[in-house]
Protein backbone atom coordinates (compact mmCIF):
# COMPACT_ATOMS: atom_id res chain seq x y z
CA UNK A 1 -51.72 10.06 15.80
CA UNK A 2 -48.27 10.36 17.22
CA UNK A 3 -47.70 11.62 20.71
CA UNK A 4 -45.76 14.77 21.55
CA UNK A 5 -42.63 12.67 22.14
CA UNK A 6 -42.68 11.43 18.54
CA UNK A 7 -43.64 8.20 16.84
CA UNK A 8 -42.94 4.90 18.54
CA UNK A 9 -39.71 3.26 17.55
CA UNK A 10 -39.80 -0.27 16.19
CA UNK A 11 -36.97 -2.06 18.02
CA UNK A 12 -36.99 -4.83 15.41
CA UNK A 13 -35.57 -2.63 12.68
CA UNK A 14 -32.24 -1.76 14.28
CA UNK A 15 -31.03 -5.38 14.70
CA UNK A 16 -32.07 -6.10 11.10
CA UNK A 17 -30.11 -3.10 9.77
CA UNK A 18 -27.12 -4.06 11.90
CA UNK A 19 -27.24 -7.66 10.67
CA UNK A 20 -27.36 -6.46 7.07
CA UNK A 21 -24.42 -4.11 7.72
CA UNK A 22 -22.37 -7.00 9.09
CA UNK A 23 -23.21 -9.04 5.97
CA UNK A 24 -22.18 -6.18 3.66
CA UNK A 25 -18.94 -5.70 5.55
CA UNK A 26 -18.22 -9.44 5.37
CA UNK A 27 -18.80 -9.37 1.62
CA UNK A 28 -16.50 -6.36 1.22
CA UNK A 29 -13.86 -8.12 3.33
CA UNK A 30 -14.14 -11.21 1.12
CA UNK A 31 -13.64 -9.15 -2.02
CA UNK A 32 -10.64 -7.39 -0.46
CA UNK A 33 -9.07 -10.72 0.54
CA UNK A 34 -9.57 -12.21 -2.93
CA UNK A 35 -8.09 -9.13 -4.62
CA UNK A 36 -5.16 -9.14 -2.19
CA UNK A 37 -4.50 -12.83 -2.91
CA UNK A 38 -4.71 -12.19 -6.65
CA UNK A 39 -2.28 -9.27 -6.36
CA UNK A 40 0.11 -11.22 -4.13
CA UNK A 41 0.26 -14.18 -6.48
CA UNK A 42 0.21 -12.25 -9.77
CA UNK A 43 3.22 -12.95 -11.95
CA UNK A 44 4.30 -16.09 -10.10
CA UNK A 45 4.35 -17.19 -6.51
CA UNK A 46 7.18 -15.70 -4.46
CA UNK A 47 7.84 -16.32 -0.79
CA UNK A 48 6.72 -12.78 0.12
CA UNK A 49 3.57 -13.17 -2.00
CA UNK A 50 2.65 -16.44 -0.33
CA UNK A 51 3.19 -14.96 3.14
CA UNK A 52 1.08 -11.91 2.25
CA UNK A 53 -1.64 -14.14 0.82
CA UNK A 54 -1.65 -16.33 3.95
CA UNK A 55 -1.79 -13.24 6.18
CA UNK A 56 -4.74 -11.79 4.24
CA UNK A 57 -6.58 -15.11 4.38
CA UNK A 58 -5.97 -15.38 8.13
CA UNK A 59 -7.24 -11.85 8.72
CA UNK A 60 -10.28 -12.56 6.56
CA UNK A 61 -11.05 -15.72 8.54
CA UNK A 62 -10.72 -13.82 11.81
CA UNK A 63 -13.14 -11.15 10.65
CA UNK A 64 -15.50 -13.79 9.27
CA UNK A 65 -15.65 -15.55 12.64
CA UNK A 66 -16.43 -12.32 14.51
CA UNK A 67 -19.03 -11.26 11.95
CA UNK A 68 -20.73 -14.66 11.84
CA UNK A 69 -20.96 -14.74 15.64
CA UNK A 70 -22.52 -11.26 15.70
CA UNK A 71 -24.97 -12.02 12.88
CA UNK A 72 -26.08 -15.18 14.66
CA UNK A 73 -26.49 -13.31 17.96
CA UNK A 74 -28.58 -10.61 16.29
CA UNK A 75 -30.78 -13.20 14.60
CA UNK A 76 -31.45 -15.31 17.70
CA UNK A 77 -31.93 -12.77 20.47
CA UNK A 78 -35.14 -10.82 20.90
CA UNK A 79 -33.11 -7.99 22.43
CA UNK A 80 -29.55 -8.39 21.17
CA UNK A 81 -26.76 -7.80 23.66
CA UNK A 82 -24.16 -5.12 23.13
CA UNK A 83 -21.15 -6.16 21.06
CA UNK A 84 -18.40 -7.25 23.43
CA UNK A 85 -15.36 -4.94 23.41
CA UNK A 86 -13.01 -7.81 22.60
CA UNK A 87 -15.09 -8.78 19.55
CA UNK A 88 -15.24 -5.17 18.40
CA UNK A 89 -11.48 -4.88 18.87
CA UNK A 90 -10.90 -8.10 16.91
CA UNK A 91 -13.04 -6.84 14.02
CA UNK A 92 -11.20 -3.50 13.99
CA UNK A 93 -7.76 -5.12 14.14
CA UNK A 94 -8.60 -7.52 11.30
CA UNK A 95 -9.97 -4.70 9.15
CA UNK A 96 -7.07 -2.31 9.74
CA UNK A 97 -4.47 -5.05 9.32
CA UNK A 98 -6.06 -6.16 6.05
CA UNK A 99 -6.01 -2.56 4.82
CA UNK A 100 -2.33 -2.28 5.78
CA UNK A 101 -1.64 -5.57 4.02
CA UNK A 102 -3.37 -4.21 0.90
CA UNK A 103 -1.30 -1.04 0.98
CA UNK A 104 1.88 -3.10 1.33
CA UNK A 105 0.89 -5.21 -1.67
CA UNK A 106 0.18 -2.20 -3.84
CA UNK A 107 3.44 -0.43 -2.97
């Protein structure tokens, strides 16, 4: 039976869910980068299209590095450490910049 405080929490589930969320976000970022590159290079390669494509690929690589580091940390540590503010900031900047790049490509 459960105690008055509630059932015991399994600490192993949260890191697993977080690791899966990072993988989903990495996959979504990959799809966004591929679609941005396709849009930028559609109808012939222009200088602006190549720059936009290179920027999207750079942002994707930056996010991929942060995500891979976090996934590896979650998989190896029994009690994973908190995400460092600079890594969180890097992931946010890459995501927002890629979204802005996508908006610029569509307009």
